[in-house]
Amino acid sequence: MTLISTIVRKALATGYLTVEAEELLRQQLQMTKYGLEDFDAFITLQTEVMEGRVRHQALELLRSSRCSATA
C-alpha cells in the first residue's frame, strides 16, 4: 500500500480530510508515479468529499474565516 492509498483510507475511516493530509496527497500526486489503486482511491475520496461523507478541513476553515470576516 502506498502513501496515497494510506492517506485516503485514513480519511475514509475517520470521515475527515485534514489540511496536512491534503497537502501530502497533493505532493504525492505531483511528484510520484502512482498506480491504478492510488488513482481509484483518490477518485473515491473526491466522491466522498463531494457527497458530504468525508469532511474537508480546508473548506471548513475557509467557511469559518468568511463568517468571521462578515461578523
N, C-alpha and C. Protein backbone atom coordinates (compact mmCIF):
# COMPACT_ATOMS: atom_id res chain seq x y z
N MET A 1 0.84 -1.17 0.00
CA MET A 1 0.00 0.00 0.00
C MET A 1 0.90 1.25 0.00
N THR A 2 0.56 2.19 -0.86
CA THR A 2 1.37 3.40 -0.96
C THR A 2 0.83 4.49 -0.04
N LEU A 3 1.57 5.56 0.05
CA LEU A 3 1.17 6.67 0.90
C LEU A 3 -0.17 7.27 0.47
N ILE A 4 -0.42 7.37 -0.82
CA ILE A 4 -1.68 7.92 -1.31
C ILE A 4 -2.84 7.07 -0.79
N SER A 5 -2.77 5.78 -0.99
CA SER A 5 -3.84 4.89 -0.52
C SER A 5 -3.99 4.94 0.99
N THR A 6 -2.88 5.03 1.70
CA THR A 6 -2.92 5.11 3.16
C THR A 6 -3.63 6.37 3.63
N ILE A 7 -3.30 7.50 3.03
CA ILE A 7 -3.95 8.77 3.39
C ILE A 7 -5.44 8.70 3.10
N VAL A 8 -5.79 8.17 1.95
CA VAL A 8 -7.20 8.07 1.57
C VAL A 8 -7.95 7.15 2.54
N ARG A 9 -7.38 6.01 2.86
CA ARG A 9 -8.04 5.07 3.76
C ARG A 9 -8.28 5.70 5.13
N LYS A 10 -7.32 6.47 5.61
CA LYS A 10 -7.49 7.13 6.91
C LYS A 10 -8.61 8.16 6.84
N ALA A 11 -8.65 8.95 5.77
CA ALA A 11 -9.70 9.95 5.62
C ALA A 11 -11.08 9.29 5.53
N LEU A 12 -11.16 8.19 4.80
CA LEU A 12 -12.43 7.49 4.68
C LEU A 12 -12.85 6.89 6.03
N ALA A 13 -11.88 6.37 6.78
CA ALA A 13 -12.18 5.75 8.07
C ALA A 13 -12.62 6.77 9.11
N THR A 14 -12.00 7.95 9.08
CA THR A 14 -12.32 8.97 10.07
C THR A 14 -13.43 9.91 9.60
N GLY A 15 -13.66 9.94 8.29
CA GLY A 15 -14.66 10.87 7.76
C GLY A 15 -14.16 12.29 7.70
N TYR A 16 -12.84 12.46 7.71
CA TYR A 16 -12.27 13.81 7.79
C TYR A 16 -10.95 13.86 7.04
N LEU A 17 -10.81 14.85 6.16
CA LEU A 17 -9.55 15.06 5.43
C LEU A 17 -8.90 16.33 5.97
N THR A 18 -7.79 16.16 6.66
CA THR A 18 -7.10 17.31 7.25
C THR A 18 -6.33 18.09 6.19
N VAL A 19 -5.98 19.31 6.54
CA VAL A 19 -5.17 20.14 5.66
C VAL A 19 -3.83 19.47 5.41
N GLU A 20 -3.25 18.89 6.45
CA GLU A 20 -1.95 18.23 6.32
C GLU A 20 -2.03 17.03 5.38
N ALA A 21 -3.09 16.23 5.52
CA ALA A 21 -3.26 15.07 4.65
C ALA A 21 -3.48 15.51 3.21
N GLU A 22 -4.24 16.58 3.03
CA GLU A 22 -4.47 17.10 1.69
C GLU A 22 -3.16 17.56 1.04
N GLU A 23 -2.32 18.20 1.81
CA GLU A 23 -1.03 18.65 1.28
C GLU A 23 -0.15 17.45 0.91
N LEU A 24 -0.14 16.43 1.76
CA LEU A 24 0.62 15.21 1.43
C LEU A 24 0.10 14.57 0.15
N LEU A 25 -1.21 14.51 0.01
CA LEU A 25 -1.80 13.96 -1.22
C LEU A 25 -1.36 14.77 -2.43
N ARG A 26 -1.43 16.07 -2.31
CA ARG A 26 -1.02 16.94 -3.42
C ARG A 26 0.43 16.68 -3.82
N GLN A 27 1.30 16.59 -2.83
CA GLN A 27 2.72 16.33 -3.10
C GLN A 27 2.91 14.97 -3.77
N GLN A 28 2.25 13.96 -3.25
CA GLN A 28 2.39 12.62 -3.81
C GLN A 28 1.86 12.54 -5.24
N LEU A 29 0.75 13.19 -5.48
CA LEU A 29 0.17 13.15 -6.82
C LEU A 29 1.03 13.90 -7.84
N GLN A 30 1.71 14.94 -7.39
CA GLN A 30 2.54 15.72 -8.30
C GLN A 30 3.94 15.15 -8.49
N MET A 31 4.48 14.50 -7.48
CA MET A 31 5.89 14.14 -7.50
C MET A 31 6.18 12.66 -7.71
N THR A 32 5.18 11.83 -7.66
CA THR A 32 5.45 10.40 -7.78
C THR A 32 4.60 9.79 -8.88
N LYS A 33 5.04 8.67 -9.34
CA LYS A 33 4.23 7.88 -10.26
C LYS A 33 3.36 6.98 -9.39
N TYR A 34 2.12 6.93 -9.71
CA TYR A 34 1.22 6.13 -8.90
C TYR A 34 0.41 5.21 -9.80
N GLY A 35 -0.08 4.15 -9.22
CA GLY A 35 -0.80 3.14 -9.98
C GLY A 35 -2.30 3.32 -9.93
N LEU A 36 -2.98 2.37 -10.51
CA LEU A 36 -4.43 2.40 -10.60
C LEU A 36 -5.07 2.36 -9.22
N GLU A 37 -4.49 1.61 -8.28
CA GLU A 37 -5.04 1.55 -6.92
C GLU A 37 -5.08 2.94 -6.29
N ASP A 38 -3.99 3.68 -6.42
CA ASP A 38 -3.93 5.04 -5.87
C ASP A 38 -4.90 5.97 -6.58
N PHE A 39 -4.97 5.87 -7.89
CA PHE A 39 -5.88 6.71 -8.66
C PHE A 39 -7.33 6.44 -8.24
N ASP A 40 -7.68 5.17 -8.15
CA ASP A 40 -9.04 4.81 -7.73
C ASP A 40 -9.33 5.30 -6.31
N ALA A 41 -8.35 5.17 -5.42
CA ALA A 41 -8.52 5.63 -4.04
C ALA A 41 -8.76 7.14 -4.02
N PHE A 42 -7.99 7.88 -4.80
CA PHE A 42 -8.14 9.33 -4.84
C PHE A 42 -9.51 9.72 -5.38
N ILE A 43 -9.96 9.06 -6.43
CA ILE A 43 -11.28 9.35 -7.01
C ILE A 43 -12.38 9.04 -5.99
N THR A 44 -12.23 7.95 -5.27
CA THR A 44 -13.19 7.60 -4.23
C THR A 44 -13.24 8.68 -3.16
N LEU A 45 -12.08 9.16 -2.75
CA LEU A 45 -12.02 10.23 -1.75
C LEU A 45 -12.72 11.48 -2.27
N GLN A 46 -12.46 11.86 -3.50
CA GLN A 46 -13.10 13.04 -4.07
C GLN A 46 -14.62 12.89 -4.07
N THR A 47 -15.10 11.73 -4.42
CA THR A 47 -16.53 11.47 -4.44
C THR A 47 -17.12 11.57 -3.04
N GLU A 48 -16.44 10.98 -2.07
CA GLU A 48 -16.93 11.02 -0.69
C GLU A 48 -16.97 12.45 -0.15
N VAL A 49 -15.99 13.25 -0.50
CA VAL A 49 -15.98 14.66 -0.07
C VAL A 49 -17.14 15.41 -0.74
N MET A 50 -17.30 15.23 -2.04
CA MET A 50 -18.36 15.93 -2.76
C MET A 50 -19.75 15.54 -2.26
N GLU A 51 -19.91 14.29 -1.85
CA GLU A 51 -21.20 13.83 -1.37
C GLU A 51 -21.41 14.05 0.12
N GLY A 52 -20.39 14.64 0.77
CA GLY A 52 -20.53 15.03 2.17
C GLY A 52 -20.26 13.94 3.19
N ARG A 53 -19.76 12.81 2.76
CA ARG A 53 -19.46 11.73 3.71
C ARG A 53 -18.08 11.87 4.34
N VAL A 54 -17.23 12.66 3.72
CA VAL A 54 -15.92 12.99 4.30
C VAL A 54 -15.85 14.51 4.37
N ARG A 55 -15.61 15.01 5.57
CA ARG A 55 -15.49 16.46 5.75
C ARG A 55 -14.09 16.90 5.33
N HIS A 56 -14.03 18.11 4.79
CA HIS A 56 -12.81 18.66 4.23
C HIS A 56 -12.38 19.84 5.09
N GLN A 57 -11.34 19.68 5.88
CA GLN A 57 -10.92 20.69 6.83
C GLN A 57 -10.65 22.04 6.16
N ALA A 58 -10.01 22.03 5.01
CA ALA A 58 -9.68 23.30 4.34
C ALA A 58 -10.94 24.08 4.01
N LEU A 59 -11.99 23.40 3.56
CA LEU A 59 -13.24 24.09 3.27
C LEU A 59 -13.90 24.62 4.53
N GLU A 60 -13.84 23.85 5.60
CA GLU A 60 -14.40 24.29 6.87
C GLU A 60 -13.67 25.53 7.39
N LEU A 61 -12.36 25.55 7.25
CA LEU A 61 -11.59 26.71 7.68
C LEU A 61 -11.92 27.94 6.82
N LEU A 62 -12.08 27.73 5.53
CA LEU A 62 -12.42 28.81 4.63
C LEU A 62 -13.79 29.38 4.99
N ARG A 63 -14.76 28.52 5.18
CA ARG A 63 -16.11 28.98 5.57
C ARG A 63 -16.07 29.71 6.90
N SER A 64 -15.31 29.19 7.83
CA SER A 64 -15.20 29.81 9.15
C SER A 64 -14.59 31.20 9.06
N SER A 65 -13.55 31.34 8.25
CA SER A 65 -12.91 32.66 8.12
C SER A 65 -13.82 33.65 7.41
N ARG A 66 -14.62 33.19 6.48
CA ARG A 66 -15.58 34.07 5.79
C ARG A 66 -16.67 34.54 6.76
N CYS A 67 -17.13 33.63 7.61
CA CYS A 67 -18.14 34.01 8.61
C CYS A 67 -17.59 35.01 9.59
N SER A 68 -16.35 34.82 10.01
CA SER A 68 -15.71 35.74 10.94
C SER A 68 -15.51 37.12 10.33
N ALA A 69 -15.20 37.15 9.04
CA ALA A 69 -14.96 38.42 8.36
C ALA A 69 -16.24 39.23 8.19
N THR A 70 -17.37 38.55 8.07
CA THR A 70 -18.62 39.27 7.86
C THR A 70 -19.29 39.64 9.17
N ALA A 71 -18.83 39.07 10.28
CA ALA A 71 -19.44 39.36 11.58
C ALA A 71 -19.00 40.68 12.14
